[in-house]
Amino acid sequence: MSGGHKEVLAHLIYGLSTHGGFVLLTGEVGTGKTTICRCLLEQIPQNIDVAFIMNPKLTVEELLATICEDLGIIYPEGNKSIKVFVDCINKFLLDSHAKGRKTVLIIEEAQNLSPDVLEQLRLLTNLETSQLKLLQIIMVGQPELLTMLERADLRQLAQRITARYHIGSLSKKEIAAYVTQRLSVAGKGTAWSICRGKGQGR
């Protein structure tokens, strides 16, 4: 990771010690958002339960069912009721809090979330005790997500974003280090074969 990646990762790890709200991580395609997510997952403290959604093109019901499945929450078979899903999630969050555990939801490609699903996510952050919110949500997406959150009907969600991080492009020096690292991982022999294969057609 570049220095910028490491800095964002450090902020995200520190943010896990806070309670509730939304954290936003944006960047263009190929800037390393997924890399940061993977590193974050590897460093999640043992007292935190994580639901990780990679494909957010879901209905509200599908989203809630996926969260339940990732967290091991049991819900009635064939359930389609949003209220039942939310009640099951709320019970899990309360039980986890009583055990000294935290729950984090990480959503990749969040720019693909529909307004209905975003609103439901906001409502999930309403689940709380008298002192703190029980669910923290990290949304990772392309810059289009920022544009979406400027919509008037999503202003309440935008107000709950407690931290925003944007990943810029790599510098020339960082690109050179990245390419060197990737070639090293692939193996010099493999990399050389690929280069020779491309050169044969010239």
N, C-alpha and C. Protein backbone atom coordinates (compact mmCIF):
# COMPACT_ATOMS: atom_id res chain seq x y z
N MET A 1 0.83 -1.20 0.00
CA MET A 1 0.00 0.00 0.00
C MET A 1 0.86 1.24 0.00
N SER A 2 0.33 2.31 -0.59
CA SER A 2 1.03 3.60 -0.59
C SER A 2 0.87 4.25 0.78
N GLY A 3 1.58 5.37 0.96
CA GLY A 3 1.44 6.10 2.22
C GLY A 3 0.01 6.56 2.44
N GLY A 4 -0.65 6.98 1.36
CA GLY A 4 -2.05 7.41 1.46
C GLY A 4 -2.96 6.27 1.87
N HIS A 5 -2.73 5.08 1.31
CA HIS A 5 -3.54 3.91 1.68
C HIS A 5 -3.38 3.58 3.16
N LYS A 6 -2.12 3.61 3.61
CA LYS A 6 -1.84 3.27 5.01
C LYS A 6 -2.49 4.28 5.96
N GLU A 7 -2.50 5.54 5.54
CA GLU A 7 -3.11 6.57 6.39
C GLU A 7 -4.61 6.35 6.51
N VAL A 8 -5.27 6.07 5.37
CA VAL A 8 -6.71 5.82 5.38
C VAL A 8 -7.02 4.59 6.22
N LEU A 9 -6.23 3.53 6.03
CA LEU A 9 -6.44 2.30 6.80
C LEU A 9 -6.32 2.56 8.29
N ALA A 10 -5.34 3.35 8.68
CA ALA A 10 -5.15 3.67 10.10
C ALA A 10 -6.37 4.41 10.64
N HIS A 11 -6.92 5.34 9.86
CA HIS A 11 -8.11 6.07 10.29
C HIS A 11 -9.30 5.13 10.44
N LEU A 12 -9.45 4.20 9.49
CA LEU A 12 -10.57 3.26 9.55
C LEU A 12 -10.47 2.36 10.77
N ILE A 13 -9.26 1.87 11.04
CA ILE A 13 -9.06 1.01 12.21
C ILE A 13 -9.36 1.78 13.49
N TYR A 14 -8.90 3.03 13.54
CA TYR A 14 -9.19 3.85 14.71
C TYR A 14 -10.70 4.10 14.82
N GLY A 15 -11.35 4.30 13.68
CA GLY A 15 -12.79 4.56 13.69
C GLY A 15 -13.61 3.41 14.22
N LEU A 16 -13.05 2.20 14.18
CA LEU A 16 -13.77 1.04 14.72
C LEU A 16 -13.98 1.15 16.22
N SER A 17 -13.22 2.03 16.86
CA SER A 17 -13.37 2.19 18.30
C SER A 17 -14.52 3.13 18.65
N THR A 18 -15.08 3.80 17.62
CA THR A 18 -16.22 4.69 17.85
C THR A 18 -17.50 3.87 17.70
N HIS A 19 -18.63 4.50 17.97
CA HIS A 19 -19.90 3.78 17.93
C HIS A 19 -20.86 4.41 16.93
N GLY A 20 -21.38 3.59 16.04
CA GLY A 20 -22.46 4.00 15.16
C GLY A 20 -22.06 4.96 14.06
N GLY A 21 -23.07 5.31 13.24
CA GLY A 21 -22.85 6.27 12.18
C GLY A 21 -22.26 5.64 10.93
N PHE A 22 -22.04 6.49 9.94
CA PHE A 22 -21.51 6.05 8.65
C PHE A 22 -20.09 6.56 8.45
N VAL A 23 -19.27 5.73 7.81
CA VAL A 23 -17.94 6.13 7.36
C VAL A 23 -17.93 5.94 5.85
N LEU A 24 -17.39 6.92 5.13
CA LEU A 24 -17.41 6.91 3.68
C LEU A 24 -15.99 6.83 3.15
N LEU A 25 -15.73 5.87 2.26
CA LEU A 25 -14.44 5.74 1.60
C LEU A 25 -14.68 5.73 0.09
N THR A 26 -14.15 6.74 -0.61
CA THR A 26 -14.38 6.84 -2.05
C THR A 26 -13.05 6.92 -2.81
N GLY A 27 -13.13 6.62 -4.09
CA GLY A 27 -11.96 6.68 -4.95
C GLY A 27 -12.34 6.17 -6.33
N GLU A 28 -11.59 6.60 -7.33
CA GLU A 28 -11.85 6.13 -8.69
C GLU A 28 -11.54 4.64 -8.81
N VAL A 29 -11.97 4.04 -9.92
CA VAL A 29 -11.68 2.63 -10.18
C VAL A 29 -10.17 2.42 -10.18
N GLY A 30 -9.72 1.38 -9.46
CA GLY A 30 -8.31 1.03 -9.48
C GLY A 30 -7.42 1.80 -8.53
N THR A 31 -8.01 2.57 -7.63
CA THR A 31 -7.17 3.36 -6.71
C THR A 31 -6.84 2.61 -5.42
N GLY A 32 -7.37 1.40 -5.25
CA GLY A 32 -6.97 0.60 -4.09
C GLY A 32 -8.00 0.48 -2.98
N LYS A 33 -9.27 0.76 -3.29
CA LYS A 33 -10.32 0.67 -2.25
C LYS A 33 -10.46 -0.76 -1.75
N THR A 34 -10.47 -1.71 -2.67
CA THR A 34 -10.62 -3.12 -2.27
C THR A 34 -9.43 -3.59 -1.47
N THR A 35 -8.24 -3.14 -1.85
CA THR A 35 -7.03 -3.49 -1.10
C THR A 35 -7.14 -3.03 0.35
N ILE A 36 -7.61 -1.81 0.53
CA ILE A 36 -7.77 -1.27 1.89
C ILE A 36 -8.80 -2.09 2.66
N CYS A 37 -9.90 -2.45 1.99
CA CYS A 37 -10.94 -3.25 2.66
C CYS A 37 -10.39 -4.59 3.12
N ARG A 38 -9.60 -5.24 2.26
CA ARG A 38 -9.03 -6.54 2.63
C ARG A 38 -8.09 -6.41 3.81
N CYS A 39 -7.26 -5.37 3.79
CA CYS A 39 -6.34 -5.15 4.91
C CYS A 39 -7.11 -4.84 6.19
N LEU A 40 -8.20 -4.10 6.05
CA LEU A 40 -9.03 -3.78 7.22
C LEU A 40 -9.62 -5.05 7.81
N LEU A 41 -10.13 -5.93 6.95
CA LEU A 41 -10.74 -7.18 7.42
C LEU A 41 -9.70 -8.04 8.15
N GLU A 42 -8.44 -7.98 7.69
CA GLU A 42 -7.39 -8.78 8.33
C GLU A 42 -7.03 -8.24 9.71
N GLN A 43 -7.38 -6.97 9.97
CA GLN A 43 -6.98 -6.35 11.24
C GLN A 43 -8.17 -6.03 12.15
N ILE A 44 -9.32 -6.58 11.82
CA ILE A 44 -10.51 -6.36 12.65
C ILE A 44 -10.29 -6.96 14.04
N PRO A 45 -10.49 -6.19 15.10
CA PRO A 45 -10.35 -6.74 16.46
C PRO A 45 -11.30 -7.92 16.68
N GLN A 46 -10.91 -8.81 17.56
CA GLN A 46 -11.68 -10.04 17.77
C GLN A 46 -13.06 -9.79 18.38
N ASN A 47 -13.27 -8.61 18.97
CA ASN A 47 -14.57 -8.34 19.60
C ASN A 47 -15.56 -7.68 18.63
N ILE A 48 -15.21 -7.66 17.33
CA ILE A 48 -16.09 -7.03 16.34
C ILE A 48 -16.60 -8.06 15.35
N ASP A 49 -17.91 -8.09 15.15
CA ASP A 49 -18.54 -8.95 14.14
C ASP A 49 -18.73 -8.12 12.88
N VAL A 50 -18.43 -8.72 11.73
CA VAL A 50 -18.48 -7.98 10.47
C VAL A 50 -19.39 -8.67 9.46
N ALA A 51 -20.24 -7.86 8.83
CA ALA A 51 -21.00 -8.31 7.65
C ALA A 51 -20.39 -7.57 6.46
N PHE A 52 -20.00 -8.32 5.44
CA PHE A 52 -19.29 -7.74 4.29
C PHE A 52 -20.10 -7.99 3.03
N ILE A 53 -20.58 -6.92 2.40
CA ILE A 53 -21.40 -7.05 1.20
C ILE A 53 -20.62 -6.55 0.00
N MET A 54 -20.38 -7.43 -0.96
CA MET A 54 -19.58 -7.08 -2.13
C MET A 54 -20.43 -6.65 -3.32
N ASN A 55 -21.65 -7.17 -3.41
CA ASN A 55 -22.54 -6.83 -4.52
C ASN A 55 -23.80 -6.20 -3.97
N PRO A 56 -23.86 -4.87 -3.92
CA PRO A 56 -25.00 -4.21 -3.27
C PRO A 56 -26.22 -3.97 -4.18
N LYS A 57 -26.24 -4.58 -5.36
CA LYS A 57 -27.40 -4.42 -6.23
C LYS A 57 -28.51 -5.33 -5.72
N LEU A 58 -29.06 -4.93 -4.58
CA LEU A 58 -30.04 -5.76 -3.87
C LEU A 58 -31.28 -4.94 -3.55
N THR A 59 -32.39 -5.63 -3.37
CA THR A 59 -33.57 -4.98 -2.84
C THR A 59 -33.37 -4.81 -1.34
N VAL A 60 -34.26 -4.07 -0.70
CA VAL A 60 -34.16 -3.89 0.75
C VAL A 60 -34.23 -5.23 1.46
N GLU A 61 -35.17 -6.08 1.03
CA GLU A 61 -35.32 -7.39 1.67
C GLU A 61 -34.08 -8.25 1.47
N GLU A 62 -33.51 -8.22 0.26
CA GLU A 62 -32.30 -9.01 -0.01
C GLU A 62 -31.12 -8.50 0.80
N LEU A 63 -31.02 -7.19 0.95
CA LEU A 63 -29.95 -6.62 1.77
C LEU A 63 -30.04 -7.11 3.21
N LEU A 64 -31.23 -7.00 3.78
CA LEU A 64 -31.41 -7.41 5.19
C LEU A 64 -31.15 -8.90 5.37
N ALA A 65 -31.59 -9.71 4.40
CA ALA A 65 -31.35 -11.15 4.47
C ALA A 65 -29.85 -11.44 4.40
N THR A 66 -29.13 -10.71 3.54
CA THR A 66 -27.68 -10.91 3.41
C THR A 66 -26.96 -10.53 4.69
N ILE A 67 -27.38 -9.43 5.31
CA ILE A 67 -26.78 -9.03 6.59
C ILE A 67 -26.98 -10.13 7.64
N CYS A 68 -28.19 -10.64 7.71
CA CYS A 68 -28.49 -11.72 8.66
C CYS A 68 -27.62 -12.94 8.40
N GLU A 69 -27.49 -13.32 7.13
CA GLU A 69 -26.71 -14.51 6.80
C GLU A 69 -25.23 -14.31 7.14
N ASP A 70 -24.70 -13.13 6.86
CA ASP A 70 -23.29 -12.86 7.15
C ASP A 70 -22.99 -12.89 8.64
N LEU A 71 -23.95 -12.44 9.43
CA LEU A 71 -23.75 -12.36 10.89
C LEU A 71 -24.25 -13.61 11.62
N GLY A 72 -24.80 -14.55 10.86
CA GLY A 72 -25.31 -15.77 11.48
C GLY A 72 -26.60 -15.57 12.24
N ILE A 73 -27.39 -14.57 11.81
CA ILE A 73 -28.66 -14.28 12.48
C ILE A 73 -29.75 -15.17 11.89
N ILE A 74 -30.44 -15.88 12.74
CA ILE A 74 -31.52 -16.77 12.28
C ILE A 74 -32.81 -15.97 12.10
N TYR A 75 -33.45 -16.15 10.95
CA TYR A 75 -34.74 -15.50 10.70
C TYR A 75 -35.70 -16.54 10.11
N PRO A 76 -37.02 -16.32 10.20
CA PRO A 76 -37.99 -17.30 9.70
C PRO A 76 -37.75 -17.64 8.22
N GLU A 77 -37.77 -18.90 7.91
CA GLU A 77 -37.54 -19.33 6.53
C GLU A 77 -38.58 -18.72 5.59
N GLY A 78 -38.12 -18.18 4.49
CA GLY A 78 -39.02 -17.58 3.51
C GLY A 78 -39.52 -16.20 3.89
N ASN A 79 -38.96 -15.63 4.94
CA ASN A 79 -39.44 -14.32 5.39
C ASN A 79 -39.21 -13.23 4.34
N LYS A 80 -40.21 -12.38 4.15
CA LYS A 80 -40.11 -11.24 3.23
C LYS A 80 -40.44 -9.93 3.95
N SER A 81 -40.71 -10.03 5.25
CA SER A 81 -41.11 -8.85 6.03
C SER A 81 -39.88 -8.07 6.48
N ILE A 82 -39.84 -6.80 6.12
CA ILE A 82 -38.73 -5.94 6.53
C ILE A 82 -38.70 -5.83 8.05
N LYS A 83 -39.89 -5.71 8.68
CA LYS A 83 -39.97 -5.57 10.13
C LYS A 83 -39.37 -6.78 10.83
N VAL A 84 -39.66 -7.97 10.33
CA VAL A 84 -39.13 -9.18 10.95
C VAL A 84 -37.61 -9.21 10.85
N PHE A 85 -37.08 -8.87 9.67
CA PHE A 85 -35.63 -8.82 9.50
C PHE A 85 -35.00 -7.83 10.48
N VAL A 86 -35.57 -6.62 10.56
CA VAL A 86 -35.02 -5.58 11.42
C VAL A 86 -35.11 -6.00 12.89
N ASP A 87 -36.21 -6.62 13.29
CA ASP A 87 -36.34 -7.09 14.67
C ASP A 87 -35.27 -8.13 15.01
N CYS A 88 -34.99 -9.03 14.06
CA CYS A 88 -33.96 -10.05 14.27
C CYS A 88 -32.58 -9.41 14.40
N ILE A 89 -32.30 -8.43 13.53
CA ILE A 89 -31.02 -7.74 13.57
C ILE A 89 -30.87 -6.96 14.87
N ASN A 90 -31.94 -6.29 15.28
CA ASN A 90 -31.91 -5.50 16.52
C ASN A 90 -31.63 -6.39 17.73
N LYS A 91 -32.28 -7.56 17.78
CA LYS A 91 -32.04 -8.48 18.89
C LYS A 91 -30.58 -8.93 18.90
N PHE A 92 -30.04 -9.23 17.71
CA PHE A 92 -28.63 -9.64 17.62
C PHE A 92 -27.71 -8.53 18.12
N LEU A 93 -27.98 -7.29 17.70
CA LEU A 93 -27.13 -6.16 18.10
C LEU A 93 -27.17 -5.93 19.61
N LEU A 94 -28.36 -6.04 20.18
CA LEU A 94 -28.50 -5.86 21.62
C LEU A 94 -27.76 -6.97 22.39
N ASP A 95 -27.91 -8.21 21.92
CA ASP A 95 -27.23 -9.34 22.56
C ASP A 95 -25.71 -9.18 22.45
N SER A 96 -25.26 -8.75 21.27
CA SER A 96 -23.82 -8.56 21.05
C SER A 96 -23.27 -7.47 21.97
N HIS A 97 -24.02 -6.36 22.07
CA HIS A 97 -23.60 -5.26 22.94
C HIS A 97 -23.50 -5.73 24.39
N ALA A 98 -24.46 -6.54 24.81
CA ALA A 98 -24.46 -7.05 26.19
C ALA A 98 -23.23 -7.92 26.44
N LYS A 99 -22.70 -8.53 25.38
CA LYS A 99 -21.52 -9.39 25.51
C LYS A 99 -20.22 -8.60 25.30
N GLY A 100 -20.34 -7.29 25.11
CA GLY A 100 -19.16 -6.47 24.90
C GLY A 100 -18.63 -6.51 23.48
N ARG A 101 -19.49 -6.88 22.52
CA ARG A 101 -19.08 -6.97 21.14
C ARG A 101 -19.68 -5.82 20.32
N LYS A 102 -19.01 -5.52 19.20
CA LYS A 102 -19.49 -4.49 18.28
C LYS A 102 -19.83 -5.13 16.94
N THR A 103 -20.63 -4.43 16.14
CA THR A 103 -21.00 -4.94 14.82
C THR A 103 -20.75 -3.86 13.77
N VAL A 104 -20.08 -4.27 12.69
CA VAL A 104 -19.76 -3.36 11.60
C VAL A 104 -20.25 -3.96 10.29
N LEU A 105 -20.88 -3.12 9.48
CA LEU A 105 -21.33 -3.52 8.15
C LEU A 105 -20.46 -2.79 7.12
N ILE A 106 -19.78 -3.54 6.25
CA ILE A 106 -18.95 -2.96 5.19
C ILE A 106 -19.59 -3.25 3.84
N ILE A 107 -19.80 -2.21 3.06
CA ILE A 107 -20.44 -2.37 1.74
C ILE A 107 -19.51 -1.86 0.66
N GLU A 108 -19.10 -2.77 -0.23
CA GLU A 108 -18.28 -2.36 -1.38
C GLU A 108 -19.19 -1.98 -2.55
N GLU A 109 -18.64 -1.20 -3.50
CA GLU A 109 -19.38 -0.74 -4.68
C GLU A 109 -20.67 -0.06 -4.26
N ALA A 110 -20.59 0.75 -3.22
CA ALA A 110 -21.78 1.36 -2.62
C ALA A 110 -22.47 2.35 -3.56
N GLN A 111 -21.78 2.77 -4.64
CA GLN A 111 -22.43 3.67 -5.59
C GLN A 111 -23.58 2.97 -6.32
N ASN A 112 -23.65 1.64 -6.20
CA ASN A 112 -24.73 0.88 -6.85
C ASN A 112 -25.95 0.70 -5.95
N LEU A 113 -25.89 1.23 -4.74
CA LEU A 113 -27.04 1.11 -3.83
C LEU A 113 -28.19 1.99 -4.33
N SER A 114 -29.39 1.48 -4.24
CA SER A 114 -30.56 2.27 -4.63
C SER A 114 -30.94 3.21 -3.48
N PRO A 115 -31.66 4.30 -3.77
CA PRO A 115 -32.09 5.21 -2.70
C PRO A 115 -32.90 4.50 -1.61
N ASP A 116 -33.73 3.52 -1.99
CA ASP A 116 -34.52 2.79 -1.00
C ASP A 116 -33.63 2.02 -0.03
N VAL A 117 -32.59 1.40 -0.58
CA VAL A 117 -31.67 0.63 0.26
C VAL A 117 -30.85 1.56 1.15
N LEU A 118 -30.42 2.70 0.61
CA LEU A 118 -29.68 3.67 1.41
C LEU A 118 -30.52 4.18 2.58
N GLU A 119 -31.80 4.40 2.32
CA GLU A 119 -32.68 4.86 3.40
C GLU A 119 -32.84 3.78 4.47
N GLN A 120 -32.92 2.52 4.04
CA GLN A 120 -33.03 1.44 5.02
C GLN A 120 -31.76 1.33 5.85
N LEU A 121 -30.61 1.56 5.22
CA LEU A 121 -29.36 1.55 5.98
C LEU A 121 -29.37 2.65 7.03
N ARG A 122 -29.88 3.82 6.66
CA ARG A 122 -29.98 4.91 7.64
C ARG A 122 -30.85 4.49 8.81
N LEU A 123 -31.95 3.82 8.52
CA LEU A 123 -32.86 3.39 9.58
C LEU A 123 -32.19 2.35 10.49
N LEU A 124 -31.31 1.53 9.91
CA LEU A 124 -30.61 0.55 10.73
C LEU A 124 -29.72 1.22 11.77
N THR A 125 -29.19 2.39 11.41
CA THR A 125 -28.35 3.10 12.38
C THR A 125 -29.18 3.75 13.48
N ASN A 126 -30.51 3.65 13.39
CA ASN A 126 -31.38 4.11 14.49
C ASN A 126 -31.39 3.11 15.64
N LEU A 127 -30.95 1.88 15.36
CA LEU A 127 -30.94 0.86 16.40
C LEU A 127 -29.88 1.22 17.43
N GLU A 128 -30.32 1.45 18.65
CA GLU A 128 -29.39 1.98 19.66
C GLU A 128 -29.85 1.67 21.07
N THR A 129 -28.95 1.85 22.01
CA THR A 129 -29.30 1.80 23.42
C THR A 129 -29.53 3.25 23.84
N SER A 130 -29.71 3.48 25.12
CA SER A 130 -29.91 4.85 25.60
C SER A 130 -28.63 5.68 25.49
N GLN A 131 -27.49 5.01 25.26
CA GLN A 131 -26.21 5.72 25.25
C GLN A 131 -25.48 5.72 23.91
N LEU A 132 -25.68 4.69 23.10
CA LEU A 132 -24.90 4.61 21.86
C LEU A 132 -25.64 3.82 20.79
N LYS A 133 -25.20 4.06 19.54
CA LYS A 133 -25.75 3.33 18.41
C LYS A 133 -25.07 1.98 18.32
N LEU A 134 -25.79 0.99 17.81
CA LEU A 134 -25.32 -0.38 17.86
C LEU A 134 -24.67 -0.86 16.57
N LEU A 135 -24.80 -0.08 15.50
CA LEU A 135 -24.27 -0.54 14.21
C LEU A 135 -23.46 0.56 13.54
N GLN A 136 -22.27 0.20 13.08
CA GLN A 136 -21.45 1.13 12.31
C GLN A 136 -21.40 0.63 10.87
N ILE A 137 -21.55 1.54 9.91
CA ILE A 137 -21.59 1.17 8.50
C ILE A 137 -20.46 1.88 7.75
N ILE A 138 -19.65 1.10 7.05
CA ILE A 138 -18.58 1.65 6.21
C ILE A 138 -19.00 1.44 4.76
N MET A 139 -19.19 2.52 4.03
CA MET A 139 -19.57 2.43 2.61
C MET A 139 -18.36 2.77 1.75
N VAL A 140 -18.05 1.88 0.83
CA VAL A 140 -16.90 2.04 -0.05
C VAL A 140 -17.40 2.13 -1.49
N GLY A 141 -17.04 3.20 -2.19
CA GLY A 141 -17.55 3.33 -3.54
C GLY A 141 -16.81 4.34 -4.39
N GLN A 142 -17.23 4.46 -5.62
CA GLN A 142 -16.68 5.41 -6.57
C GLN A 142 -17.25 6.81 -6.29
N PRO A 143 -16.66 7.85 -6.86
CA PRO A 143 -17.10 9.23 -6.58
C PRO A 143 -18.58 9.48 -6.85
N GLU A 144 -19.20 8.66 -7.69
CA GLU A 144 -20.64 8.82 -7.95
C GLU A 144 -21.46 8.72 -6.67
N LEU A 145 -20.91 8.00 -5.69
CA LEU A 145 -21.61 7.87 -4.40
C LEU A 145 -21.75 9.23 -3.73
N LEU A 146 -20.73 10.07 -3.85
CA LEU A 146 -20.78 11.41 -3.26
C LEU A 146 -21.90 12.23 -3.90
N THR A 147 -22.01 12.11 -5.22
CA THR A 147 -23.07 12.83 -5.94
C THR A 147 -24.45 12.36 -5.49
N MET A 148 -24.58 11.04 -5.32
CA MET A 148 -25.87 10.49 -4.90
C MET A 148 -26.27 11.01 -3.52
N LEU A 149 -25.30 11.14 -2.64
CA LEU A 149 -25.60 11.57 -1.27
C LEU A 149 -25.95 13.05 -1.17
N GLU A 150 -25.81 13.77 -2.28
CA GLU A 150 -26.21 15.17 -2.31
C GLU A 150 -27.70 15.33 -2.60
N ARG A 151 -28.37 14.22 -2.91
CA ARG A 151 -29.82 14.28 -3.18
C ARG A 151 -30.58 14.75 -1.94
N ALA A 152 -31.63 15.52 -2.18
CA ALA A 152 -32.42 16.07 -1.08
C ALA A 152 -33.04 14.97 -0.23
N ASP A 153 -33.47 13.87 -0.87
CA ASP A 153 -34.14 12.81 -0.12
C ASP A 153 -33.17 11.95 0.68
N LEU A 154 -31.85 12.18 0.51
CA LEU A 154 -30.86 11.42 1.27
C LEU A 154 -30.08 12.31 2.24
N ARG A 155 -30.56 13.51 2.46
CA ARG A 155 -29.80 14.46 3.30
C ARG A 155 -29.69 13.97 4.74
N GLN A 156 -30.71 13.24 5.24
CA GLN A 156 -30.62 12.74 6.61
C GLN A 156 -29.49 11.72 6.75
N LEU A 157 -29.31 10.90 5.71
CA LEU A 157 -28.20 9.94 5.74
C LEU A 157 -26.87 10.68 5.67
N ALA A 158 -26.78 11.66 4.78
CA ALA A 158 -25.54 12.42 4.62
C ALA A 158 -25.12 13.08 5.93
N GLN A 159 -26.10 13.49 6.72
CA GLN A 159 -25.80 14.15 8.00
C GLN A 159 -25.22 13.19 9.02
N ARG A 160 -25.41 11.88 8.79
CA ARG A 160 -24.91 10.88 9.75
C ARG A 160 -23.52 10.37 9.40
N ILE A 161 -22.93 10.88 8.33
CA ILE A 161 -21.59 10.46 7.96
C ILE A 161 -20.60 11.14 8.90
N THR A 162 -19.92 10.33 9.69
CA THR A 162 -19.01 10.87 10.71
C THR A 162 -17.59 11.06 10.20
N ALA A 163 -17.25 10.37 9.10
CA ALA A 163 -15.90 10.52 8.55
C ALA A 163 -15.94 10.22 7.05
N ARG A 164 -15.18 11.02 6.28
CA ARG A 164 -15.09 10.83 4.82
C ARG A 164 -13.62 10.75 4.44
N TYR A 165 -13.28 9.75 3.62
CA TYR A 165 -11.92 9.60 3.12
C TYR A 165 -11.97 9.39 1.61
N HIS A 166 -11.08 10.05 0.89
CA HIS A 166 -11.03 9.89 -0.56
C HIS A 166 -9.61 9.49 -0.96
N ILE A 167 -9.51 8.46 -1.78
CA ILE A 167 -8.21 7.96 -2.23
C ILE A 167 -7.91 8.56 -3.60
N GLY A 168 -6.79 9.25 -3.69
CA GLY A 168 -6.39 9.83 -4.97
C GLY A 168 -5.55 8.87 -5.79
N SER A 169 -5.07 9.34 -6.93
CA SER A 169 -4.23 8.51 -7.79
C SER A 169 -2.84 8.36 -7.19
N LEU A 170 -2.15 7.30 -7.58
CA LEU A 170 -0.78 7.07 -7.12
C LEU A 170 0.17 8.05 -7.80
N SER A 171 1.23 8.40 -7.11
CA SER A 171 2.29 9.22 -7.71
C SER A 171 3.14 8.32 -8.61
N LYS A 172 4.02 8.92 -9.43
CA LYS A 172 4.90 8.13 -10.31
C LYS A 172 5.77 7.18 -9.49
N LYS A 173 6.28 7.67 -8.37
CA LYS A 173 7.13 6.85 -7.51
C LYS A 173 6.34 5.67 -6.95
N GLU A 174 5.08 5.93 -6.54
CA GLU A 174 4.24 4.86 -5.97
C GLU A 174 3.86 3.85 -7.04
N ILE A 175 3.64 4.32 -8.28
CA ILE A 175 3.30 3.41 -9.38
C ILE A 175 4.46 2.45 -9.64
N ALA A 176 5.68 2.99 -9.65
CA ALA A 176 6.86 2.15 -9.88
C ALA A 176 6.98 1.08 -8.80
N ALA A 177 6.78 1.48 -7.54
CA ALA A 177 6.85 0.53 -6.43
C ALA A 177 5.74 -0.52 -6.54
N TYR A 178 4.57 -0.08 -6.97
CA TYR A 178 3.43 -1.00 -7.11
C TYR A 178 3.69 -2.04 -8.19
N VAL A 179 4.16 -1.59 -9.36
CA VAL A 179 4.45 -2.51 -10.46
C VAL A 179 5.53 -3.51 -10.05
N THR A 180 6.57 -3.02 -9.39
CA THR A 180 7.65 -3.90 -8.92
C THR A 180 7.11 -4.97 -7.98
N GLN A 181 6.23 -4.55 -7.07
CA GLN A 181 5.64 -5.48 -6.12
C GLN A 181 4.79 -6.53 -6.82
N ARG A 182 3.98 -6.09 -7.79
CA ARG A 182 3.11 -7.02 -8.50
C ARG A 182 3.92 -8.04 -9.30
N LEU A 183 5.00 -7.58 -9.94
CA LEU A 183 5.86 -8.49 -10.69
C LEU A 183 6.54 -9.48 -9.74
N SER A 184 6.91 -9.00 -8.56
CA SER A 184 7.53 -9.87 -7.57
C SER A 184 6.57 -10.96 -7.11
N VAL A 185 5.31 -10.57 -6.89
CA VAL A 185 4.29 -11.54 -6.46
C VAL A 185 4.02 -12.56 -7.56
N ALA A 186 3.97 -12.06 -8.82
CA ALA A 186 3.70 -12.95 -9.94
C ALA A 186 4.86 -13.90 -10.21
N GLY A 187 6.06 -13.48 -9.84
CA GLY A 187 7.26 -14.27 -10.11
C GLY A 187 7.95 -13.73 -11.34
N LYS A 188 9.26 -13.52 -11.22
CA LYS A 188 10.00 -12.91 -12.32
C LYS A 188 9.88 -13.72 -13.60
N GLY A 189 9.90 -15.06 -13.46
CA GLY A 189 9.81 -15.90 -14.65
C GLY A 189 8.49 -15.71 -15.36
N THR A 190 7.42 -15.68 -14.55
CA THR A 190 6.08 -15.49 -15.12
C THR A 190 5.98 -14.13 -15.78
N ALA A 191 6.46 -13.09 -15.08
CA ALA A 191 6.38 -11.74 -15.62
C ALA A 191 7.17 -11.63 -16.92
N TRP A 192 8.37 -12.25 -16.95
CA TRP A 192 9.21 -12.18 -18.15
C TRP A 192 8.54 -12.90 -19.31
N SER A 193 7.88 -14.03 -19.01
CA SER A 193 7.18 -14.77 -20.06
C SER A 193 6.05 -13.94 -20.65
N ILE A 194 5.34 -13.23 -19.79
CA ILE A 194 4.24 -12.39 -20.25
C ILE A 194 4.78 -11.28 -21.16
N CYS A 195 5.87 -10.63 -20.72
CA CYS A 195 6.45 -9.55 -21.51
C CYS A 195 6.93 -10.06 -22.86
N ARG A 196 7.58 -11.24 -22.85
CA ARG A 196 8.05 -11.80 -24.12
C ARG A 196 6.90 -12.16 -25.03
N GLY A 197 5.81 -12.66 -24.41
CA GLY A 197 4.65 -13.05 -25.21
C GLY A 197 4.04 -11.84 -25.90
N LYS A 198 4.01 -10.70 -25.18
CA LYS A 198 3.46 -9.49 -25.76
C LYS A 198 4.37 -8.95 -26.85
N GLY A 199 5.70 -9.14 -26.67
CA GLY A 199 6.65 -8.59 -27.62
C GLY A 199 6.73 -9.36 -28.92
N GLN A 200 6.29 -10.61 -28.90
CA GLN A 200 6.42 -11.45 -30.10
C GLN A 200 5.57 -10.94 -31.26
N GLY A 201 4.51 -10.23 -30.94
CA GLY A 201 3.61 -9.79 -31.99
C GLY A 201 4.07 -8.49 -32.65
N ARG A 202 5.14 -7.87 -32.14
CA ARG A 202 5.59 -6.58 -32.66
C ARG A 202 6.49 -6.77 -33.89
